[in-house]
Amino acid sequence: QVQLGESGGGLGQPGGSRRLTCAASGRTTRNFARAWFREAPGKEREFVAAWRRSGGTTTYYADSVKGRFTISRDNAKNTVDLQMNNLEHEDTAVYYCALGERLITSSVRSGAAYGYWGQGTQVTVST
């Protein structure tokens, strides 16, 4: 089965940038999606961004990060990055990468659609 691992978390300042990387091992299907979710203290896990392949490729973003965060995939390394710019205090959370197979478009933003999860990496935005 697929195993995922995140890296790149740490301390950032408001207005700064940080880049997260999710590495994957194991074989997956040709129809899949890779995504980032985050869990802030006292809050439920929420969708951040996704990269989906189903014939072509499509990216999805939560309204709260659109225009600030960018998800991208490196085919050679089989990694997915989350470039975070213009960080805000509200971005503080544990960030998880996820992989889902054979999901439908309407489920891309739902954590229940993803069968594989990384261990999470902490991002703290503070002055």
C-alpha atoms as a PDB file:
ATOM      1  CA  GLN A   1       0.000   0.000   0.000  1.00  0.00           C
ATOM      2  CA  VAL A   2       0.924   3.666  -0.316  1.00  0.00           C
ATOM      3  CA  GLN A   3       2.805   5.440   2.456  1.00  0.00           C
ATOM      4  CA  LEU A   4       3.062   9.216   2.776  1.00  0.00           C
ATOM      5  CA  GLY A   5       5.378  11.504   4.706  1.00  0.00           C
ATOM      6  CA  GLU A   6       5.399  15.289   5.134  1.00  0.00           C
ATOM      7  CA  SER A   7       8.340  17.610   5.671  1.00  0.00           C
ATOM      8  CA  GLY A   8       9.036  21.335   5.684  1.00  0.00           C
ATOM      9  CA  GLY A   9       7.075  22.424   8.717  1.00  0.00           C
ATOM     10  CA  GLY A  10       8.412  24.891  11.234  1.00  0.00           C
ATOM     11  CA  LEU A  11       8.154  28.460  12.456  1.00  0.00           C
ATOM     12  CA  GLY A  12       7.241  31.246  10.059  1.00  0.00           C
ATOM     13  CA  GLN A  13       6.416  34.932  10.365  1.00  0.00           C
ATOM     14  CA  PRO A  14       3.283  36.710   9.173  1.00  0.00           C
ATOM     15  CA  GLY A  15       3.755  37.663   5.542  1.00  0.00           C
ATOM     16  CA  GLY A  16       6.508  35.098   5.134  1.00  0.00           C
ATOM     17  CA  SER A  17       6.679  31.903   3.113  1.00  0.00           C
ATOM     18  CA  ARG A  18       7.167  28.216   3.708  1.00  0.00           C
ATOM     19  CA  ARG A  19       7.181  25.179   1.445  1.00  0.00           C
ATOM     20  CA  LEU A  20       5.851  21.781   2.495  1.00  0.00           C
ATOM     21  CA  THR A  21       6.687  18.542   0.712  1.00  0.00           C
ATOM     22  CA  CYS A  22       4.818  15.242   0.713  1.00  0.00           C
ATOM     23  CA  ALA A  23       6.736  12.172  -0.398  1.00  0.00           C
ATOM     24  CA  ALA A  24       4.958   9.005  -1.485  1.00  0.00           C
ATOM     25  CA  SER A  25       6.115   5.403  -1.662  1.00  0.00           C
ATOM     26  CA  GLY A  26       4.324   2.446  -3.156  1.00  0.00           C
ATOM     27  CA  ARG A  27       2.233   2.013  -6.256  1.00  0.00           C
ATOM     28  CA  THR A  28      -1.012   3.834  -6.870  1.00  0.00           C
ATOM     29  CA  THR A  29      -3.602   3.887  -9.628  1.00  0.00           C
ATOM     30  CA  ARG A  30      -3.604   6.259 -12.578  1.00  0.00           C
ATOM     31  CA  ASN A  31      -6.826   7.869 -11.336  1.00  0.00           C
ATOM     32  CA  PHE A  32      -5.975   9.553  -8.032  1.00  0.00           C
ATOM     33  CA  ALA A  33      -5.839  12.776  -6.087  1.00  0.00           C
ATOM     34  CA  ARG A  34      -3.232  14.133  -3.702  1.00  0.00           C
ATOM     35  CA  ALA A  35      -4.225  16.754  -1.216  1.00  0.00           C
ATOM     36  CA  TRP A  36      -3.265  18.846   1.789  1.00  0.00           C
ATOM     37  CA  PHE A  37      -5.453  19.178   4.853  1.00  0.00           C
ATOM     38  CA  ARG A  38      -4.765  21.007   8.088  1.00  0.00           C
ATOM     39  CA  GLU A  39      -5.916  20.792  11.673  1.00  0.00           C
ATOM     40  CA  ALA A  40      -5.681  23.864  13.884  1.00  0.00           C
ATOM     41  CA  PRO A  41      -5.879  23.617  17.695  1.00  0.00           C
ATOM     42  CA  GLY A  42      -9.445  22.986  18.772  1.00  0.00           C
ATOM     43  CA  LYS A  43     -10.721  22.757  15.205  1.00  0.00           C
ATOM     44  CA  GLU A  44     -11.665  19.942  12.877  1.00  0.00           C
ATOM     45  CA  ARG A  45      -9.450  18.931  10.023  1.00  0.00           C
ATOM     46  CA  GLU A  46     -10.130  21.089   6.974  1.00  0.00           C
ATOM     47  CA  PHE A  47      -9.330  20.949   3.292  1.00  0.00           C
ATOM     48  CA  VAL A  48      -6.516  23.156   1.983  1.00  0.00           C
ATOM     49  CA  ALA A  49      -5.609  22.159  -1.579  1.00  0.00           C
ATOM     50  CA  ALA A  50      -5.686  19.185  -3.932  1.00  0.00           C
ATOM     51  CA  TRP A  51      -4.077  17.969  -7.142  1.00  0.00           C
ATOM     52  CA  ARG A  52      -6.239  15.500  -9.051  1.00  0.00           C
ATOM     53  CA  ARG A  53      -5.522  13.286 -12.041  1.00  0.00           C
ATOM     54  CA  SER A  54      -8.494  11.850 -13.895  1.00  0.00           C
ATOM     55  CA  GLY A  55      -7.534  11.939 -17.536  1.00  0.00           C
ATOM     56  CA  GLY A  56      -6.220  15.468 -17.236  1.00  0.00           C
ATOM     57  CA  THR A  57      -5.103  17.248 -14.078  1.00  0.00           C
ATOM     58  CA  THR A  58      -6.968  19.772 -11.956  1.00  0.00           C
ATOM     59  CA  THR A  59      -6.101  21.731  -8.827  1.00  0.00           C
ATOM     60  CA  TYR A  60      -8.471  22.810  -6.068  1.00  0.00           C
ATOM     61  CA  TYR A  61      -8.079  25.329  -3.253  1.00  0.00           C
ATOM     62  CA  ALA A  62      -9.945  26.340  -0.165  1.00  0.00           C
ATOM     63  CA  ASP A  63     -11.202  29.912  -0.281  1.00  0.00           C
ATOM     64  CA  SER A  64      -9.075  30.788   2.738  1.00  0.00           C
ATOM     65  CA  VAL A  65      -5.809  30.013   0.927  1.00  0.00           C
ATOM     66  CA  LYS A  66      -6.637  30.757  -2.702  1.00  0.00           C
ATOM     67  CA  GLY A  67      -4.139  33.217  -4.144  1.00  0.00           C
ATOM     68  CA  ARG A  68      -1.652  32.557  -1.328  1.00  0.00           C
ATOM     69  CA  PHE A  69      -0.969  28.804  -1.501  1.00  0.00           C
ATOM     70  CA  THR A  70       0.007  26.764  -4.548  1.00  0.00           C
ATOM     71  CA  ILE A  71      -0.014  22.980  -4.871  1.00  0.00           C
ATOM     72  CA  SER A  72       2.301  21.331  -7.382  1.00  0.00           C
ATOM     73  CA  ARG A  73       3.563  17.862  -8.239  1.00  0.00           C
ATOM     74  CA  ASP A  74       7.039  16.684  -9.164  1.00  0.00           C
ATOM     75  CA  ASN A  75       6.545  13.599 -11.324  1.00  0.00           C
ATOM     76  CA  ALA A  76      10.172  12.481 -11.137  1.00  0.00           C
ATOM     77  CA  LYS A  77      10.286  12.548  -7.336  1.00  0.00           C
ATOM     78  CA  ASN A  78       6.659  11.519  -6.827  1.00  0.00           C
ATOM     79  CA  THR A  79       6.229  14.395  -4.412  1.00  0.00           C
ATOM     80  CA  VAL A  80       3.567  17.039  -3.948  1.00  0.00           C
ATOM     81  CA  ASP A  81       4.507  20.457  -2.603  1.00  0.00           C
ATOM     82  CA  LEU A  82       2.479  23.154  -0.946  1.00  0.00           C
ATOM     83  CA  GLN A  83       4.013  26.584  -1.435  1.00  0.00           C
ATOM     84  CA  MET A  84       2.627  28.890   1.233  1.00  0.00           C
ATOM     85  CA  ASN A  85       3.034  32.635   0.739  1.00  0.00           C
ATOM     86  CA  ASN A  86       1.756  35.609   2.715  1.00  0.00           C
ATOM     87  CA  LEU A  87       1.380  33.487   5.823  1.00  0.00           C
ATOM     88  CA  GLU A  88      -1.190  34.501   8.408  1.00  0.00           C
ATOM     89  CA  HIS A  89      -1.581  33.605  12.074  1.00  0.00           C
ATOM     90  CA  GLU A  90      -4.648  31.593  11.090  1.00  0.00           C
ATOM     91  CA  ASP A  91      -2.451  29.283   9.011  1.00  0.00           C
ATOM     92  CA  THR A  92      -0.995  27.792  12.187  1.00  0.00           C
ATOM     93  CA  ALA A  93      -1.913  24.112  12.156  1.00  0.00           C
ATOM     94  CA  VAL A  94      -0.689  20.584  11.672  1.00  0.00           C
ATOM     95  CA  TYR A  95      -0.620  19.980   7.938  1.00  0.00           C
ATOM     96  CA  TYR A  96      -1.370  16.518   6.568  1.00  0.00           C
ATOM     97  CA  CYS A  97      -0.890  15.184   3.076  1.00  0.00           C
ATOM     98  CA  ALA A  98      -3.340  12.644   1.726  1.00  0.00           C
ATOM     99  CA  LEU A  99      -3.904  10.418  -1.292  1.00  0.00           C
ATOM    100  CA  GLY A 100      -7.219   9.167  -2.609  1.00  0.00           C
ATOM    101  CA  GLU A 101      -7.964   6.744  -5.418  1.00  0.00           C
ATOM    102  CA  ARG A 102     -10.918   6.506  -7.767  1.00  0.00           C
ATOM    103  CA  LEU A 103     -12.694   9.410  -6.136  1.00  0.00           C
ATOM    104  CA  ILE A 104     -15.306  11.585  -7.807  1.00  0.00           C
ATOM    105  CA  THR A 105     -14.982  15.307  -8.377  1.00  0.00           C
ATOM    106  CA  SER A 106     -17.523  16.211  -5.703  1.00  0.00           C
ATOM    107  CA  SER A 107     -15.477  14.366  -3.056  1.00  0.00           C
ATOM    108  CA  VAL A 108     -12.113  16.023  -3.692  1.00  0.00           C
ATOM    109  CA  ARG A 109     -12.543  18.428  -0.759  1.00  0.00           C
ATOM    110  CA  SER A 110     -13.700  15.718   1.659  1.00  0.00           C
ATOM    111  CA  GLY A 111     -11.251  13.961   3.943  1.00  0.00           C
ATOM    112  CA  ALA A 112     -13.383  10.832   3.819  1.00  0.00           C
ATOM    113  CA  ALA A 113     -12.449  10.372   0.166  1.00  0.00           C
ATOM    114  CA  TYR A 114      -8.770   9.847   0.988  1.00  0.00           C
ATOM    115  CA  GLY A 115      -7.506   6.468   2.099  1.00  0.00           C
ATOM    116  CA  TYR A 116      -3.872   7.318   2.820  1.00  0.00           C
ATOM    117  CA  TRP A 117      -2.522   9.946   5.201  1.00  0.00           C
ATOM    118  CA  GLY A 118       0.839  11.195   6.350  1.00  0.00           C
ATOM    119  CA  GLN A 119       1.788  11.762   9.975  1.00  0.00           C
ATOM    120  CA  GLY A 120       1.477  15.541   9.756  1.00  0.00           C
ATOM    121  CA  THR A 121       3.930  18.420  10.074  1.00  0.00           C
ATOM    122  CA  GLN A 122       3.520  21.432  12.348  1.00  0.00           C
ATOM    123  CA  VAL A 123       3.443  24.942  10.879  1.00  0.00           C
ATOM    124  CA  THR A 124       3.446  27.812  13.345  1.00  0.00           C
ATOM    125  CA  VAL A 125       3.045  31.423  12.228  1.00  0.00           C
ATOM    126  CA  SER A 126       4.077  33.863  14.928  1.00  0.00           C
ATOM    127  CA  THR A 127       5.887  37.147  15.463  1.00  0.00           C
END
